[in-house]
């Protein structure tokens, strides 16, 4: 039951996977230009104190 795949099939699968990843990355990157940037933290006001651990 140790059936090995031909090299061409493995290379085609790798190339197809890489192409799919690049297509997804660039399609999501192009849609991001129209939206607001995601902020990790809200800007703090001068009156707020920070939490120190």
PDB file of N, CA and C in Angstrom:
ATOM      1  N   UNK A   1       0.808  -1.194   0.000  1.00  0.00           N
ATOM      2  CA  UNK A   1       0.000   0.000   0.000  1.00  0.00           C
ATOM      3  C   UNK A   1       0.855   1.263   0.000  1.00  0.00           C
ATOM      4  N   UNK A   2       2.074   1.164  -0.424  1.00  0.00           N
ATOM      5  CA  UNK A   2       2.947   2.312  -0.478  1.00  0.00           C
ATOM      6  C   UNK A   2       2.997   2.830  -1.912  1.00  0.00           C
ATOM      7  N   UNK A   3       1.888   3.422  -2.355  1.00  0.00           N
ATOM      8  CA  UNK A   3       1.796   3.938  -3.723  1.00  0.00           C
ATOM      9  C   UNK A   3       2.351   5.357  -3.747  1.00  0.00           C
ATOM     10  N   UNK A   4       3.431   5.546  -4.448  1.00  0.00           N
ATOM     11  CA  UNK A   4       4.045   6.876  -4.544  1.00  0.00           C
ATOM     12  C   UNK A   4       3.413   7.649  -5.694  1.00  0.00           C
ATOM     13  N   UNK A   5       3.211   8.945  -5.475  1.00  0.00           N
ATOM     14  CA  UNK A   5       2.685   9.808  -6.530  1.00  0.00           C
ATOM     15  C   UNK A   5       3.815  10.188  -7.477  1.00  0.00           C
ATOM     16  N   UNK A   6       3.493  10.362  -8.749  1.00  0.00           N
ATOM     17  CA  UNK A   6       4.523  10.818  -9.685  1.00  0.00           C
ATOM     18  C   UNK A   6       4.983  12.238  -9.329  1.00  0.00           C
ATOM     19  N   UNK A   7       6.218  12.544  -9.707  1.00  0.00           N
ATOM     20  CA  UNK A   7       6.792  13.849  -9.389  1.00  0.00           C
ATOM     21  C   UNK A   7       5.996  14.991 -10.009  1.00  0.00           C
ATOM     22  N   UNK A   8       5.475  14.787 -11.206  1.00  0.00           N
ATOM     23  CA  UNK A   8       4.707  15.846 -11.872  1.00  0.00           C
ATOM     24  C   UNK A   8       3.444  16.188 -11.096  1.00  0.00           C
ATOM     25  N   UNK A   9       2.803  15.195 -10.518  1.00  0.00           N
ATOM     26  CA  UNK A   9       1.576  15.437  -9.754  1.00  0.00           C
ATOM     27  C   UNK A   9       1.898  16.232  -8.495  1.00  0.00           C
ATOM     28  N   UNK A  10       2.985  15.888  -7.824  1.00  0.00           N
ATOM     29  CA  UNK A  10       3.384  16.598  -6.610  1.00  0.00           C
ATOM     30  C   UNK A  10       3.756  18.039  -6.936  1.00  0.00           C
ATOM     31  N   UNK A  11       4.525  18.250  -7.996  1.00  0.00           N
ATOM     32  CA  UNK A  11       4.917  19.602  -8.386  1.00  0.00           C
ATOM     33  C   UNK A  11       3.703  20.427  -8.807  1.00  0.00           C
ATOM     34  N   UNK A  12       2.758  19.819  -9.499  1.00  0.00           N
ATOM     35  CA  UNK A  12       1.547  20.531  -9.900  1.00  0.00           C
ATOM     36  C   UNK A  12       0.713  20.910  -8.682  1.00  0.00           C
ATOM     37  N   UNK A  13       0.629  20.044  -7.697  1.00  0.00           N
ATOM     38  CA  UNK A  13      -0.123  20.347  -6.483  1.00  0.00           C
ATOM     39  C   UNK A  13       0.528  21.484  -5.706  1.00  0.00           C
ATOM     40  N   UNK A  14       1.849  21.500  -5.623  1.00  0.00           N
ATOM     41  CA  UNK A  14       2.563  22.576  -4.933  1.00  0.00           C
ATOM     42  C   UNK A  14       2.364  23.894  -5.671  1.00  0.00           C
ATOM     43  N   UNK A  15       2.494  23.879  -6.993  1.00  0.00           N
ATOM     44  CA  UNK A  15       2.319  25.106  -7.786  1.00  0.00           C
ATOM     45  C   UNK A  15       0.894  25.626  -7.675  1.00  0.00           C
ATOM     46  N   UNK A  16      -0.082  24.748  -7.704  1.00  0.00           N
ATOM     47  CA  UNK A  16      -1.480  25.150  -7.576  1.00  0.00           C
ATOM     48  C   UNK A  16      -1.756  25.745  -6.199  1.00  0.00           C
ATOM     49  N   UNK A  17      -1.182  25.163  -5.166  1.00  0.00           N
ATOM     50  CA  UNK A  17      -1.352  25.681  -3.814  1.00  0.00           C
ATOM     51  C   UNK A  17      -0.731  27.068  -3.677  1.00  0.00           C
ATOM     52  N   UNK A  18       0.478  27.248  -4.202  1.00  0.00           N
ATOM     53  CA  UNK A  18       1.124  28.562  -4.144  1.00  0.00           C
ATOM     54  C   UNK A  18       0.334  29.606  -4.929  1.00  0.00           C
ATOM     55  N   UNK A  19      -0.166  29.234  -6.085  1.00  0.00           N
ATOM     56  CA  UNK A  19      -0.958  30.167  -6.884  1.00  0.00           C
ATOM     57  C   UNK A  19      -2.234  30.561  -6.141  1.00  0.00           C
ATOM     58  N   UNK A  20      -2.875  29.619  -5.496  1.00  0.00           N
ATOM     59  CA  UNK A  20      -4.091  29.900  -4.742  1.00  0.00           C
ATOM     60  C   UNK A  20      -3.803  30.844  -3.572  1.00  0.00           C
ATOM     61  N   UNK A  21      -2.694  30.627  -2.889  1.00  0.00           N
ATOM     62  CA  UNK A  21      -2.319  31.493  -1.762  1.00  0.00           C
ATOM     63  C   UNK A  21      -2.055  32.912  -2.253  1.00  0.00           C
ATOM     64  N   UNK A  22      -1.309  33.076  -3.340  1.00  0.00           N
ATOM     65  CA  UNK A  22      -1.025  34.406  -3.857  1.00  0.00           C
ATOM     66  C   UNK A  22      -2.296  35.102  -4.343  1.00  0.00           C
ATOM     67  N   UNK A  23      -3.192  34.371  -4.970  1.00  0.00           N
ATOM     68  CA  UNK A  23      -4.457  34.958  -5.422  1.00  0.00           C
ATOM     69  C   UNK A  23      -5.271  35.453  -4.233  1.00  0.00           C
ATOM     70  N   UNK A  24      -5.322  34.673  -3.172  1.00  0.00           N
ATOM     71  CA  UNK A  24      -6.064  35.095  -1.982  1.00  0.00           C
ATOM     72  C   UNK A  24      -5.428  36.308  -1.325  1.00  0.00           C
ATOM     73  N   UNK A  25      -4.112  36.327  -1.235  1.00  0.00           N
ATOM     74  CA  UNK A  25      -3.419  37.447  -0.600  1.00  0.00           C
ATOM     75  C   UNK A  25      -3.671  38.736  -1.373  1.00  0.00           C
ATOM     76  N   UNK A  26      -3.494  38.697  -2.679  1.00  0.00           N
ATOM     77  CA  UNK A  26      -3.640  39.918  -3.469  1.00  0.00           C
ATOM     78  C   UNK A  26      -5.091  40.347  -3.598  1.00  0.00           C
ATOM     79  N   UNK A  27      -6.032  39.420  -3.594  1.00  0.00           N
ATOM     80  CA  UNK A  27      -7.436  39.818  -3.674  1.00  0.00           C
ATOM     81  C   UNK A  27      -7.876  40.473  -2.374  1.00  0.00           C
ATOM     82  N   UNK A  28      -7.395  39.998  -1.233  1.00  0.00           N
ATOM     83  CA  UNK A  28      -7.741  40.625   0.038  1.00  0.00           C
ATOM     84  C   UNK A  28      -7.020  41.954   0.208  1.00  0.00           C
ATOM     85  N   UNK A  29      -5.811  42.066  -0.320  1.00  0.00           N
ATOM     86  CA  UNK A  29      -5.050  43.305  -0.196  1.00  0.00           C
ATOM     87  C   UNK A  29      -5.696  44.419  -1.020  1.00  0.00           C
ATOM     88  N   UNK A  30      -6.232  44.115  -2.169  1.00  0.00           N
ATOM     89  CA  UNK A  30      -6.869  45.123  -3.011  1.00  0.00           C
ATOM     90  C   UNK A  30      -8.172  45.624  -2.394  1.00  0.00           C
ATOM     91  N   UNK A  31      -8.913  44.766  -1.701  1.00  0.00           N
ATOM     92  CA  UNK A  31     -10.161  45.177  -1.075  1.00  0.00           C
ATOM     93  C   UNK A  31      -9.922  46.010   0.176  1.00  0.00           C
ATOM     94  N   UNK A  32      -8.755  45.938   0.745  1.00  0.00           N
ATOM     95  CA  UNK A  32      -8.454  46.634   1.995  1.00  0.00           C
ATOM     96  C   UNK A  32      -8.292  48.135   1.784  1.00  0.00           C
ATOM     97  N   UNK A  33      -8.013  48.595   0.584  1.00  0.00           N
ATOM     98  CA  UNK A  33      -7.782  50.016   0.328  1.00  0.00           C
ATOM     99  C   UNK A  33      -9.028  50.863   0.596  1.00  0.00           C
ATOM    100  N   UNK A  34     -10.214  50.289   0.476  1.00  0.00           N
ATOM    101  CA  UNK A  34     -11.448  51.053   0.620  1.00  0.00           C
ATOM    102  C   UNK A  34     -11.928  51.143   2.065  1.00  0.00           C
ATOM    103  N   UNK A  35     -11.372  50.374   2.965  1.00  0.00           N
ATOM    104  CA  UNK A  35     -11.856  50.349   4.330  1.00  0.00           C
ATOM    105  C   UNK A  35     -10.903  51.075   5.266  1.00  0.00           C
ATOM    106  N   UNK A  36     -11.394  51.364   6.471  1.00  0.00           N
ATOM    107  CA  UNK A  36     -10.559  52.020   7.472  1.00  0.00           C
ATOM    108  C   UNK A  36      -9.490  51.048   7.967  1.00  0.00           C
ATOM    109  N   UNK A  37      -8.346  51.567   8.371  1.00  0.00           N
ATOM    110  CA  UNK A  37      -7.331  50.677   8.920  1.00  0.00           C
ATOM    111  C   UNK A  37      -7.762  50.145  10.287  1.00  0.00           C
ATOM    112  N   UNK A  38      -7.380  48.928  10.573  1.00  0.00           N
ATOM    113  CA  UNK A  38      -7.721  48.303  11.844  1.00  0.00           C
ATOM    114  C   UNK A  38      -6.778  48.821  12.924  1.00  0.00           C
ATOM    115  N   UNK A  39      -7.339  49.302  14.016  1.00  0.00           N
ATOM    116  CA  UNK A  39      -6.527  49.831  15.111  1.00  0.00           C
ATOM    117  C   UNK A  39      -6.466  48.785  16.228  1.00  0.00           C
ATOM    118  N   UNK A  40      -5.273  48.502  16.687  1.00  0.00           N
ATOM    119  CA  UNK A  40      -5.121  47.529  17.763  1.00  0.00           C
ATOM    120  C   UNK A  40      -5.539  48.117  19.103  1.00  0.00           C
ATOM    121  N   UNK A  41      -5.283  49.391  19.313  1.00  0.00           N
ATOM    122  CA  UNK A  41      -5.644  50.064  20.555  1.00  0.00           C
ATOM    123  C   UNK A  41      -6.363  51.356  20.243  1.00  0.00           C
ATOM    124  N   UNK A  42      -7.223  51.727  21.139  1.00  0.00           N
ATOM    125  CA  UNK A  42      -7.849  53.036  21.007  1.00  0.00           C
ATOM    126  C   UNK A  42      -6.879  54.080  21.528  1.00  0.00           C
ATOM    127  N   UNK A  43      -6.975  55.268  20.982  1.00  0.00           N
ATOM    128  CA  UNK A  43      -6.113  56.336  21.455  1.00  0.00           C
ATOM    129  C   UNK A  43      -6.566  56.749  22.849  1.00  0.00           C
ATOM    130  N   UNK A  44      -5.627  56.884  23.762  1.00  0.00           N
ATOM    131  CA  UNK A  44      -5.988  57.249  25.132  1.00  0.00           C
ATOM    132  C   UNK A  44      -6.065  58.759  25.267  1.00  0.00           C
ATOM    133  N   UNK A  45      -7.016  59.200  26.083  1.00  0.00           N
ATOM    134  CA  UNK A  45      -7.100  60.635  26.347  1.00  0.00           C
ATOM    135  C   UNK A  45      -6.151  60.997  27.479  1.00  0.00           C
ATOM    136  N   UNK A  46      -5.765  62.254  27.572  1.00  0.00           N
ATOM    137  CA  UNK A  46      -4.813  62.658  28.606  1.00  0.00           C
ATOM    138  C   UNK A  46      -5.316  62.396  30.026  1.00  0.00           C
ATOM    139  N   UNK A  47      -6.640  62.363  30.239  1.00  0.00           N
ATOM    140  CA  UNK A  47      -7.173  62.178  31.578  1.00  0.00           C
ATOM    141  C   UNK A  47      -7.203  60.722  32.023  1.00  0.00           C
ATOM    142  N   UNK A  48      -7.033  59.787  31.101  1.00  0.00           N
ATOM    143  CA  UNK A  48      -7.108  58.359  31.460  1.00  0.00           C
ATOM    144  C   UNK A  48      -5.788  57.890  32.035  1.00  0.00           C
ATOM    145  N   UNK A  49      -5.889  56.989  32.994  1.00  0.00           N
ATOM    146  CA  UNK A  49      -4.671  56.388  33.542  1.00  0.00           C
ATOM    147  C   UNK A  49      -4.455  55.024  32.909  1.00  0.00           C
ATOM    148  N   UNK A  50      -3.231  54.602  32.817  1.00  0.00           N
ATOM    149  CA  UNK A  50      -2.916  53.305  32.240  1.00  0.00           C
ATOM    150  C   UNK A  50      -2.836  52.261  33.339  1.00  0.00           C
ATOM    151  N   UNK A  51      -3.110  51.047  32.986  1.00  0.00           N
ATOM    152  CA  UNK A  51      -3.071  49.944  33.938  1.00  0.00           C
ATOM    153  C   UNK A  51      -1.664  49.361  33.963  1.00  0.00           C
ATOM    154  N   UNK A  52      -1.053  49.350  35.120  1.00  0.00           N
ATOM    155  CA  UNK A  52       0.298  48.798  35.261  1.00  0.00           C
ATOM    156  C   UNK A  52       0.201  47.491  36.025  1.00  0.00           C
ATOM    157  N   UNK A  53       0.853  46.486  35.510  1.00  0.00           N
ATOM    158  CA  UNK A  53       0.844  45.183  36.177  1.00  0.00           C
ATOM    159  C   UNK A  53       2.171  44.956  36.846  1.00  0.00           C
TER     160      UNK A  53
END
